[in-house]
C-alpha atoms as a PDB file:
ATOM      1  CA  MET A   1       0.000   0.000   0.000  1.00  0.00           C
ATOM      2  CA  PHE A   2       2.516   2.598   1.137  1.00  0.00           C
ATOM      3  CA  LEU A   3       6.139   2.410   0.211  1.00  0.00           C
ATOM      4  CA  LYS A   4       8.069   2.217   3.428  1.00  0.00           C
ATOM      5  CA  LYS A   5      11.688   3.220   3.341  1.00  0.00           C
ATOM      6  CA  ASN A   6      13.930   1.181   5.596  1.00  0.00           C
ATOM      7  CA  THR A   7      15.277   3.833   7.980  1.00  0.00           C
ATOM      8  CA  THR A   8      17.156   1.411  10.214  1.00  0.00           C
ATOM      9  CA  ASP A   9      19.758   0.703   7.534  1.00  0.00           C
ATOM     10  CA  MET A  10      21.405   4.138   7.361  1.00  0.00           C
ATOM     11  CA  GLY A  11      24.936   2.908   6.955  1.00  0.00           C
ATOM     12  CA  ILE A  12      28.093   4.100   8.658  1.00  0.00           C
ATOM     13  CA  LEU A  13      27.850   7.680   7.412  1.00  0.00           C
ATOM     14  CA  GLY A  14      24.275   8.050   8.617  1.00  0.00           C
ATOM     15  CA  SER A  15      25.125   6.681  12.043  1.00  0.00           C
ATOM     16  CA  LEU A  16      28.123   9.001  12.368  1.00  0.00           C
ATOM     17  CA  LEU A  17      26.020  11.975  11.325  1.00  0.00           C
ATOM     18  CA  ARG A  18      23.319  11.083  13.834  1.00  0.00           C
ATOM     19  CA  TYR A  19      25.842  10.781  16.678  1.00  0.00           C
ATOM     20  CA  ALA A  20      27.599  13.996  15.637  1.00  0.00           C
ATOM     21  CA  VAL A  21      24.332  15.941  15.782  1.00  0.00           C
ATOM     22  CA  LEU A  22      23.507  14.350  19.135  1.00  0.00           C
ATOM     23  CA  LEU A  23      26.954  15.290  20.485  1.00  0.00           C
ATOM     24  CA  ILE A  24      26.517  18.891  19.338  1.00  0.00           C
ATOM     25  CA  PHE A  25      23.206  19.143  21.192  1.00  0.00           C
ATOM     26  CA  VAL A  26      24.681  17.573  24.347  1.00  0.00           C
ATOM     27  CA  ILE A  27      27.516  20.098  24.332  1.00  0.00           C
ATOM     28  CA  TYR A  28      25.094  22.948  23.588  1.00  0.00           C
ATOM     29  CA  PHE A  29      22.981  22.137  26.647  1.00  0.00           C
ATOM     30  CA  ALA A  30      25.622  20.718  29.026  1.00  0.00           C
ATOM     31  CA  VAL A  31      28.240  23.489  28.881  1.00  0.00           C
ATOM     32  CA  PRO A  32      25.942  26.224  30.269  1.00  0.00           C
ATOM     33  CA  LEU A  33      24.860  23.904  33.085  1.00  0.00           C
ATOM     34  CA  LEU A  34      28.489  23.116  33.840  1.00  0.00           C
ATOM     35  CA  TRP A  35      29.279  26.832  33.882  1.00  0.00           C
ATOM     36  CA  LEU A  36      26.432  27.424  36.371  1.00  0.00           C
ATOM     37  CA  LEU A  37      28.040  24.907  38.717  1.00  0.00           C
ATOM     38  CA  ILE A  38      31.584  26.259  38.312  1.00  0.00           C
ATOM     39  CA  ALA A  39      30.961  30.035  38.275  1.00  0.00           C
ATOM     40  CA  PRO A  40      30.167  30.439  42.016  1.00  0.00           C
ATOM     41  CA  SER A  41      33.624  29.083  42.861  1.00  0.00           C
ATOM     42  CA  ARG A  42      35.313  32.070  41.202  1.00  0.00           C
ATOM     43  CA  ASP A  43      35.297  35.793  41.863  1.00  0.00           C
ATOM     44  CA  THR A  44      34.289  38.439  39.337  1.00  0.00           C
ATOM     45  CA  THR A  45      37.781  39.147  38.043  1.00  0.00           C
ATOM     46  CA  GLN A  46      38.479  35.454  37.509  1.00  0.00           C
ATOM     47  CA  ILE A  47      35.260  35.071  35.543  1.00  0.00           C
ATOM     48  CA  THR A  48      35.756  38.125  33.323  1.00  0.00           C
ATOM     49  CA  ASN A  49      39.534  38.147  32.818  1.00  0.00           C
ATOM     50  CA  ASN A  50      40.416  34.449  32.652  1.00  0.00           C
ATOM     51  CA  PRO A  51      40.300  32.993  29.134  1.00  0.00           C
ATOM     52  CA  ASN A  52      39.596  29.533  30.582  1.00  0.00           C
ATOM     53  CA  SER A  53      36.067  30.235  31.796  1.00  0.00           C
ATOM     54  CA  LEU A  54      35.361  26.606  32.729  1.00  0.00           C
ATOM     55  CA  ALA A  55      38.185  26.369  35.262  1.00  0.00           C
ATOM     56  CA  PHE A  56      37.202  25.660  38.857  1.00  0.00           C
ATOM     57  CA  GLY A  57      38.021  28.371  41.410  1.00  0.00           C
ATOM     58  CA  SER A  58      38.211  27.629  45.123  1.00  0.00           C
ATOM     59  CA  VAL A  59      36.100  25.530  47.460  1.00  0.00           C
ATOM     60  CA  GLU A  60      36.061  28.378  50.003  1.00  0.00           C
ATOM     61  CA  ARG A  61      34.487  30.714  47.441  1.00  0.00           C
ATOM     62  CA  LEU A  62      31.928  28.043  46.577  1.00  0.00           C
ATOM     63  CA  VAL A  63      30.992  27.577  50.256  1.00  0.00           C
ATOM     64  CA  THR A  64      30.723  31.348  50.738  1.00  0.00           C
ATOM     65  CA  SER A  65      28.474  31.678  47.689  1.00  0.00           C
ATOM     66  CA  TRP A  66      26.258  28.831  48.920  1.00  0.00           C
ATOM     67  CA  GLN A  67      25.973  30.428  52.362  1.00  0.00           C
ATOM     68  CA  ASN A  68      25.049  33.772  50.787  1.00  0.00           C
ATOM     69  CA  ILE A  69      22.314  32.123  48.755  1.00  0.00           C
ATOM     70  CA  MET A  70      20.921  30.227  51.744  1.00  0.00           C
ATOM     71  CA  SER A  71      20.900  33.343  53.957  1.00  0.00           C
ATOM     72  CA  TYR A  72      19.314  35.579  51.312  1.00  0.00           C
ATOM     73  CA  ASN A  73      16.271  37.376  52.708  1.00  0.00           C
ATOM     74  CA  GLY A  74      16.161  35.293  55.863  1.00  0.00           C
ATOM     75  CA  GLY A  75      16.460  31.901  54.137  1.00  0.00           C
ATOM     76  CA  GLU A  76      13.877  32.553  51.452  1.00  0.00           C
ATOM     77  CA  ALA A  77      15.865  30.500  48.923  1.00  0.00           C
ATOM     78  CA  VAL A  78      15.179  27.380  51.004  1.00  0.00           C
ATOM     79  CA  LEU A  79      11.449  28.102  50.650  1.00  0.00           C
ATOM     80  CA  TRP A  80      11.886  28.481  46.896  1.00  0.00           C
ATOM     81  CA  LEU A  81      13.718  25.165  46.691  1.00  0.00           C
ATOM     82  CA  GLY A  82      10.978  23.507  48.732  1.00  0.00           C
ATOM     83  CA  ASN A  83       8.302  24.933  46.440  1.00  0.00           C
ATOM     84  CA  SER A  84      10.194  23.665  43.388  1.00  0.00           C
ATOM     85  CA  VAL A  85      10.325  20.158  44.829  1.00  0.00           C
ATOM     86  CA  LYS A  86       6.715  20.281  46.019  1.00  0.00           C
ATOM     87  CA  TYR A  87       5.151  21.503  42.790  1.00  0.00           C
END
């Protein structure tokens, strides 16, 4: 009735192209998330002046940033996190 093209037999080139596109999308979405995890460990000058923007800073800076977030507005960020989990 309908001519069905066999899409499972794409060959080597088709498989490589599919994985290359998938890898591009993974990098496109993973790098910003990685940067969000790394950026609080660095100060402003390290973020703006360092050409290697994905380098980790210091654990002390990360702890300080986390404490600042958790103490924001009397611990309101904890309420926001709870609401995100709840809803």
